[in-house]
Amino acid sequence: MELLRERLIECGWKDEMKALCRAFIKKKGRSNVTVDDLVHVITPKGRASVPDSVKAELLQRIRAFLVQASV
């Protein structure tokens, strides 16, 4: 999880998600937005915008771990 967090910060994903949240809150009004609203709107965009390079690196590390653990 720490590796994922680091990679997402490095590629600017975290800042992008923060900006999307702020834009949504500004559009709807601070008092009209719940955490559930944010999660519902931002989650699909967040998942879709994770760079392929980050996904590939994590998949490679998971596979290597599984191979090593099965020995």
PDB file of N, CA and C in Angstrom:
ATOM      1  N   MET A   1       0.822  -1.194   0.000  1.00  0.00           N
ATOM      2  CA  MET A   1       0.000   0.000   0.000  1.00  0.00           C
ATOM      3  C   MET A   1       0.870   1.263   0.000  1.00  0.00           C
ATOM      4  N   GLU A   2       1.969   1.194   0.734  1.00  0.00           N
ATOM      5  CA  GLU A   2       2.857   2.350   0.789  1.00  0.00           C
ATOM      6  C   GLU A   2       3.464   2.640  -0.590  1.00  0.00           C
ATOM      7  N   LEU A   3       3.838   1.588  -1.299  1.00  0.00           N
ATOM      8  CA  LEU A   3       4.389   1.758  -2.643  1.00  0.00           C
ATOM      9  C   LEU A   3       3.354   2.410  -3.565  1.00  0.00           C
ATOM     10  N   LEU A   4       2.136   1.924  -3.510  1.00  0.00           N
ATOM     11  CA  LEU A   4       1.068   2.503  -4.329  1.00  0.00           C
ATOM     12  C   LEU A   4       0.890   3.978  -3.998  1.00  0.00           C
ATOM     13  N   ARG A   5       0.841   4.293  -2.725  1.00  0.00           N
ATOM     14  CA  ARG A   5       0.681   5.681  -2.287  1.00  0.00           C
ATOM     15  C   ARG A   5       1.812   6.552  -2.852  1.00  0.00           C
ATOM     16  N   GLU A   6       3.044   6.070  -2.741  1.00  0.00           N
ATOM     17  CA  GLU A   6       4.190   6.821  -3.249  1.00  0.00           C
ATOM     18  C   GLU A   6       4.102   7.062  -4.750  1.00  0.00           C
ATOM     19  N   ARG A   7       3.768   6.009  -5.488  1.00  0.00           N
ATOM     20  CA  ARG A   7       3.700   6.130  -6.950  1.00  0.00           C
ATOM     21  C   ARG A   7       2.591   7.087  -7.383  1.00  0.00           C
ATOM     22  N   LEU A   8       1.452   7.042  -6.698  1.00  0.00           N
ATOM     23  CA  LEU A   8       0.352   7.931  -7.062  1.00  0.00           C
ATOM     24  C   LEU A   8       0.692   9.385  -6.759  1.00  0.00           C
ATOM     25  N   ILE A   9       1.420   9.607  -5.701  1.00  0.00           N
ATOM     26  CA  ILE A   9       1.851  10.974  -5.387  1.00  0.00           C
ATOM     27  C   ILE A   9       2.860  11.451  -6.425  1.00  0.00           C
ATOM     28  N   GLU A  10       3.814  10.575  -6.770  1.00  0.00           N
ATOM     29  CA  GLU A  10       4.857  10.931  -7.742  1.00  0.00           C
ATOM     30  C   GLU A  10       4.287  11.325  -9.101  1.00  0.00           C
ATOM     31  N   CYS A  11       3.260  10.633  -9.533  1.00  0.00           N
ATOM     32  CA  CYS A  11       2.708  10.886 -10.868  1.00  0.00           C
ATOM     33  C   CYS A  11       1.662  11.993 -10.878  1.00  0.00           C
ATOM     34  N   GLY A  12       1.359  12.571  -9.721  1.00  0.00           N
ATOM     35  CA  GLY A  12       0.411  13.673  -9.667  1.00  0.00           C
ATOM     36  C   GLY A  12      -1.040  13.266  -9.526  1.00  0.00           C
ATOM     37  N   TRP A  13      -1.293  11.977  -9.384  1.00  0.00           N
ATOM     38  CA  TRP A  13      -2.660  11.467  -9.281  1.00  0.00           C
ATOM     39  C   TRP A  13      -3.373  12.033  -8.059  1.00  0.00           C
ATOM     40  N   LYS A  14      -2.673  12.074  -6.937  1.00  0.00           N
ATOM     41  CA  LYS A  14      -3.282  12.569  -5.700  1.00  0.00           C
ATOM     42  C   LYS A  14      -3.731  14.021  -5.856  1.00  0.00           C
ATOM     43  N   ASP A  15      -2.886  14.846  -6.438  1.00  0.00           N
ATOM     44  CA  ASP A  15      -3.233  16.249  -6.652  1.00  0.00           C
ATOM     45  C   ASP A  15      -4.412  16.392  -7.609  1.00  0.00           C
ATOM     46  N   GLU A  16      -4.450  15.529  -8.616  1.00  0.00           N
ATOM     47  CA  GLU A  16      -5.558  15.538  -9.571  1.00  0.00           C
ATOM     48  C   GLU A  16      -6.877  15.203  -8.876  1.00  0.00           C
ATOM     49  N   MET A  17      -6.847  14.195  -8.003  1.00  0.00           N
ATOM     50  CA  MET A  17      -8.067  13.813  -7.276  1.00  0.00           C
ATOM     51  C   MET A  17      -8.493  14.916  -6.301  1.00  0.00           C
ATOM     52  N   LYS A  18      -7.517  15.540  -5.677  1.00  0.00           N
ATOM     53  CA  LYS A  18      -7.819  16.649  -4.766  1.00  0.00           C
ATOM     54  C   LYS A  18      -8.503  17.783  -5.528  1.00  0.00           C
ATOM     55  N   ALA A  19      -8.007  18.090  -6.716  1.00  0.00           N
ATOM     56  CA  ALA A  19      -8.587  19.152  -7.533  1.00  0.00           C
ATOM     57  C   ALA A  19     -10.011  18.798  -7.961  1.00  0.00           C
ATOM     58  N   LEU A  20     -10.235  17.524  -8.316  1.00  0.00           N
ATOM     59  CA  LEU A  20     -11.585  17.094  -8.682  1.00  0.00           C
ATOM     60  C   LEU A  20     -12.546  17.241  -7.513  1.00  0.00           C
ATOM     61  N   CYS A  21     -12.105  16.871  -6.329  1.00  0.00           N
ATOM     62  CA  CYS A  21     -12.939  17.008  -5.133  1.00  0.00           C
ATOM     63  C   CYS A  21     -13.277  18.467  -4.869  1.00  0.00           C
ATOM     64  N   ARG A  22     -12.285  19.311  -4.954  1.00  0.00           N
ATOM     65  CA  ARG A  22     -12.514  20.740  -4.710  1.00  0.00           C
ATOM     66  C   ARG A  22     -13.468  21.333  -5.734  1.00  0.00           C
ATOM     67  N   ALA A  23     -13.319  20.938  -6.993  1.00  0.00           N
ATOM     68  CA  ALA A  23     -14.208  21.447  -8.042  1.00  0.00           C
ATOM     69  C   ALA A  23     -15.642  20.985  -7.807  1.00  0.00           C
ATOM     70  N   PHE A  24     -15.801  19.732  -7.404  1.00  0.00           N
ATOM     71  CA  PHE A  24     -17.141  19.201  -7.139  1.00  0.00           C
ATOM     72  C   PHE A  24     -17.781  19.930  -5.965  1.00  0.00           C
ATOM     73  N   ILE A  25     -17.015  20.156  -4.908  1.00  0.00           N
ATOM     74  CA  ILE A  25     -17.527  20.853  -3.731  1.00  0.00           C
ATOM     75  C   ILE A  25     -17.890  22.297  -4.081  1.00  0.00           C
ATOM     76  N   LYS A  26     -17.056  22.944  -4.877  1.00  0.00           N
ATOM     77  CA  LYS A  26     -17.329  24.319  -5.280  1.00  0.00           C
ATOM     78  C   LYS A  26     -18.605  24.392  -6.115  1.00  0.00           C
ATOM     79  N   LYS A  27     -18.785  23.415  -6.992  1.00  0.00           N
ATOM     80  CA  LYS A  27     -19.963  23.389  -7.865  1.00  0.00           C
ATOM     81  C   LYS A  27     -21.247  23.168  -7.068  1.00  0.00           C
ATOM     82  N   LYS A  28     -21.217  22.229  -6.126  1.00  0.00           N
ATOM     83  CA  LYS A  28     -22.414  21.871  -5.364  1.00  0.00           C
ATOM     84  C   LYS A  28     -22.645  22.754  -4.140  1.00  0.00           C
ATOM     85  N   GLY A  29     -21.584  23.345  -3.650  1.00  0.00           N
ATOM     86  CA  GLY A  29     -21.680  24.115  -2.419  1.00  0.00           C
ATOM     87  C   GLY A  29     -21.241  23.269  -1.240  1.00  0.00           C
ATOM     88  N   ARG A  30     -20.422  23.849  -0.401  1.00  0.00           N
ATOM     89  CA  ARG A  30     -19.807  23.118   0.705  1.00  0.00           C
ATOM     90  C   ARG A  30     -20.841  22.422   1.597  1.00  0.00           C
ATOM     91  N   SER A  31     -21.938  23.086   1.889  1.00  0.00           N
ATOM     92  CA  SER A  31     -22.931  22.514   2.803  1.00  0.00           C
ATOM     93  C   SER A  31     -23.843  21.482   2.132  1.00  0.00           C
ATOM     94  N   ASN A  32     -23.718  21.334   0.816  1.00  0.00           N
ATOM     95  CA  ASN A  32     -24.577  20.400   0.082  1.00  0.00           C
ATOM     96  C   ASN A  32     -23.870  19.114  -0.335  1.00  0.00           C
ATOM     97  N   VAL A  33     -22.650  18.910   0.137  1.00  0.00           N
ATOM     98  CA  VAL A  33     -21.866  17.749  -0.281  1.00  0.00           C
ATOM     99  C   VAL A  33     -21.537  16.881   0.932  1.00  0.00           C
ATOM    100  N   THR A  34     -21.742  15.575   0.772  1.00  0.00           N
ATOM    101  CA  THR A  34     -21.358  14.622   1.816  1.00  0.00           C
ATOM    102  C   THR A  34     -20.151  13.829   1.329  1.00  0.00           C
ATOM    103  N   VAL A  35     -19.535  13.127   2.246  1.00  0.00           N
ATOM    104  CA  VAL A  35     -18.420  12.260   1.879  1.00  0.00           C
ATOM    105  C   VAL A  35     -18.903  11.195   0.897  1.00  0.00           C
ATOM    106  N   ASP A  36     -20.088  10.667   1.118  1.00  0.00           N
ATOM    107  CA  ASP A  36     -20.639   9.664   0.204  1.00  0.00           C
ATOM    108  C   ASP A  36     -20.801  10.226  -1.209  1.00  0.00           C
ATOM    109  N   ASP A  37     -21.219  11.477  -1.312  1.00  0.00           N
ATOM    110  CA  ASP A  37     -21.331  12.116  -2.629  1.00  0.00           C
ATOM    111  C   ASP A  37     -19.971  12.156  -3.323  1.00  0.00           C
ATOM    112  N   LEU A  38     -18.956  12.568  -2.580  1.00  0.00           N
ATOM    113  CA  LEU A  38     -17.609  12.634  -3.141  1.00  0.00           C
ATOM    114  C   LEU A  38     -17.123  11.265  -3.590  1.00  0.00           C
ATOM    115  N   VAL A  39     -17.312  10.278  -2.743  1.00  0.00           N
ATOM    116  CA  VAL A  39     -16.869   8.920  -3.077  1.00  0.00           C
ATOM    117  C   VAL A  39     -17.581   8.431  -4.332  1.00  0.00           C
ATOM    118  N   HIS A  40     -18.873   8.668  -4.422  1.00  0.00           N
ATOM    119  CA  HIS A  40     -19.665   8.207  -5.568  1.00  0.00           C
ATOM    120  C   HIS A  40     -19.204   8.850  -6.879  1.00  0.00           C
ATOM    121  N   VAL A  41     -18.868  10.124  -6.829  1.00  0.00           N
ATOM    122  CA  VAL A  41     -18.476  10.849  -8.043  1.00  0.00           C
ATOM    123  C   VAL A  41     -17.005  10.633  -8.398  1.00  0.00           C
ATOM    124  N   ILE A  42     -16.135  10.638  -7.409  1.00  0.00           N
ATOM    125  CA  ILE A  42     -14.696  10.628  -7.660  1.00  0.00           C
ATOM    126  C   ILE A  42     -14.127   9.234  -7.889  1.00  0.00           C
ATOM    127  N   THR A  43     -14.670   8.207  -7.249  1.00  0.00           N
ATOM    128  CA  THR A  43     -14.110   6.854  -7.341  1.00  0.00           C
ATOM    129  C   THR A  43     -13.951   6.359  -8.783  1.00  0.00           C
ATOM    130  N   PRO A  44     -14.979   6.431  -9.626  1.00  0.00           N
ATOM    131  CA  PRO A  44     -14.774   5.952 -11.005  1.00  0.00           C
ATOM    132  C   PRO A  44     -13.681   6.724 -11.746  1.00  0.00           C
ATOM    133  N   LYS A  45     -13.639   8.026 -11.541  1.00  0.00           N
ATOM    134  CA  LYS A  45     -12.616   8.843 -12.200  1.00  0.00           C
ATOM    135  C   LYS A  45     -11.231   8.496 -11.664  1.00  0.00           C
ATOM    136  N   GLY A  46     -11.147   8.280 -10.370  1.00  0.00           N
ATOM    137  CA  GLY A  46      -9.872   7.941  -9.754  1.00  0.00           C
ATOM    138  C   GLY A  46      -9.331   6.612 -10.239  1.00  0.00           C
ATOM    139  N   ARG A  47     -10.184   5.618 -10.283  1.00  0.00           N
ATOM    140  CA  ARG A  47      -9.755   4.296 -10.754  1.00  0.00           C
ATOM    141  C   ARG A  47      -9.322   4.338 -12.212  1.00  0.00           C
ATOM    142  N   ALA A  48     -10.045   5.073 -13.011  1.00  0.00           N
ATOM    143  CA  ALA A  48      -9.744   5.138 -14.442  1.00  0.00           C
ATOM    144  C   ALA A  48      -8.467   5.918 -14.726  1.00  0.00           C
ATOM    145  N   SER A  49      -8.078   6.792 -13.811  1.00  0.00           N
ATOM    146  CA  SER A  49      -6.928   7.654 -14.093  1.00  0.00           C
ATOM    147  C   SER A  49      -5.608   7.175 -13.483  1.00  0.00           C
ATOM    148  N   VAL A  50      -5.609   6.010 -12.846  1.00  0.00           N
ATOM    149  CA  VAL A  50      -4.345   5.458 -12.338  1.00  0.00           C
ATOM    150  C   VAL A  50      -3.490   5.084 -13.554  1.00  0.00           C
ATOM    151  N   PRO A  51      -2.285   5.603 -13.643  1.00  0.00           N
ATOM    152  CA  PRO A  51      -1.436   5.334 -14.808  1.00  0.00           C
ATOM    153  C   PRO A  51      -1.148   3.839 -14.994  1.00  0.00           C
ATOM    154  N   ASP A  52      -1.103   3.420 -16.242  1.00  0.00           N
ATOM    155  CA  ASP A  52      -0.825   2.016 -16.558  1.00  0.00           C
ATOM    156  C   ASP A  52       0.527   1.574 -16.010  1.00  0.00           C
ATOM    157  N   SER A  53       1.486   2.474 -15.982  1.00  0.00           N
ATOM    158  CA  SER A  53       2.811   2.116 -15.478  1.00  0.00           C
ATOM    159  C   SER A  53       2.750   1.744 -13.994  1.00  0.00           C
ATOM    160  N   VAL A  54       1.920   2.434 -13.239  1.00  0.00           N
ATOM    161  CA  VAL A  54       1.765   2.132 -11.808  1.00  0.00           C
ATOM    162  C   VAL A  54       1.081   0.781 -11.643  1.00  0.00           C
ATOM    163  N   LYS A  55       0.037   0.551 -12.423  1.00  0.00           N
ATOM    164  CA  LYS A  55      -0.666  -0.733 -12.368  1.00  0.00           C
ATOM    165  C   LYS A  55       0.281  -1.886 -12.716  1.00  0.00           C
ATOM    166  N   ALA A  56       1.073  -1.701 -13.767  1.00  0.00           N
ATOM    167  CA  ALA A  56       1.991  -2.748 -14.208  1.00  0.00           C
ATOM    168  C   ALA A  56       3.049  -3.040 -13.152  1.00  0.00           C
ATOM    169  N   GLU A  57       3.597  -2.002 -12.533  1.00  0.00           N
ATOM    170  CA  GLU A  57       4.608  -2.205 -11.503  1.00  0.00           C
ATOM    171  C   GLU A  57       4.037  -2.961 -10.307  1.00  0.00           C
ATOM    172  N   LEU A  58       2.855  -2.586  -9.880  1.00  0.00           N
ATOM    173  CA  LEU A  58       2.247  -3.266  -8.740  1.00  0.00           C
ATOM    174  C   LEU A  58       1.919  -4.720  -9.070  1.00  0.00           C
ATOM    175  N   LEU A  59       1.418  -4.961 -10.264  1.00  0.00           N
ATOM    176  CA  LEU A  59       1.110  -6.325 -10.676  1.00  0.00           C
ATOM    177  C   LEU A  59       2.375  -7.175 -10.702  1.00  0.00           C
ATOM    178  N   GLN A  60       3.461  -6.620 -11.212  1.00  0.00           N
ATOM    179  CA  GLN A  60       4.730  -7.338 -11.253  1.00  0.00           C
ATOM    180  C   GLN A  60       5.206  -7.679  -9.845  1.00  0.00           C
ATOM    181  N   ARG A  61       5.106  -6.725  -8.934  1.00  0.00           N
ATOM    182  CA  ARG A  61       5.546  -6.971  -7.556  1.00  0.00           C
ATOM    183  C   ARG A  61       4.667  -7.997  -6.856  1.00  0.00           C
ATOM    184  N   ILE A  62       3.382  -7.977  -7.116  1.00  0.00           N
ATOM    185  CA  ILE A  62       2.470  -8.965  -6.525  1.00  0.00           C
ATOM    186  C   ILE A  62       2.806 -10.354  -7.047  1.00  0.00           C
ATOM    187  N   ARG A  63       3.020 -10.455  -8.351  1.00  0.00           N
ATOM    188  CA  ARG A  63       3.378 -11.758  -8.930  1.00  0.00           C
ATOM    189  C   ARG A  63       4.689 -12.275  -8.342  1.00  0.00           C
ATOM    190  N   ALA A  64       5.673 -11.411  -8.220  1.00  0.00           N
ATOM    191  CA  ALA A  64       6.967 -11.822  -7.660  1.00  0.00           C
ATOM    192  C   ALA A  64       6.791 -12.287  -6.218  1.00  0.00           C
ATOM    193  N   PHE A  65       5.977 -11.599  -5.459  1.00  0.00           N
ATOM    194  CA  PHE A  65       5.715 -11.991  -4.077  1.00  0.00           C
ATOM    195  C   PHE A  65       5.058 -13.370  -4.020  1.00  0.00           C
ATOM    196  N   LEU A  66       4.064 -13.579  -4.880  1.00  0.00           N
ATOM    197  CA  LEU A  66       3.361 -14.875  -4.886  1.00  0.00           C
ATOM    198  C   LEU A  66       4.281 -16.016  -5.276  1.00  0.00           C
ATOM    199  N   VAL A  67       5.154 -15.778  -6.244  1.00  0.00           N
ATOM    200  CA  VAL A  67       6.120 -16.806  -6.652  1.00  0.00           C
ATOM    201  C   VAL A  67       7.065 -17.104  -5.488  1.00  0.00           C
ATOM    202  N   GLN A  68       7.531 -16.076  -4.848  1.00  0.00           N
ATOM    203  CA  GLN A  68       8.449 -16.244  -3.735  1.00  0.00           C
ATOM    204  C   GLN A  68       7.768 -16.934  -2.544  1.00  0.00           C
ATOM    205  N   ALA A  69       6.518 -16.620  -2.305  1.00  0.00           N
ATOM    206  CA  ALA A  69       5.786 -17.193  -1.166  1.00  0.00           C
ATOM    207  C   ALA A  69       5.434 -18.651  -1.397  1.00  0.00           C
ATOM    208  N   SER A  70       5.336 -19.079  -2.639  1.00  0.00           N
ATOM    209  CA  SER A  70       4.937 -20.451  -2.929  1.00  0.00           C
ATOM    210  C   SER A  70       6.122 -21.416  -2.920  1.00  0.00           C
ATOM    211  N   VAL A  71       7.322 -20.896  -2.817  1.00  0.00           N
ATOM    212  CA  VAL A  71       8.536 -21.738  -2.805  1.00  0.00           C
ATOM    213  C   VAL A  71       8.759 -22.384  -1.480  1.00  0.00           C
TER     214      VAL A  71
END
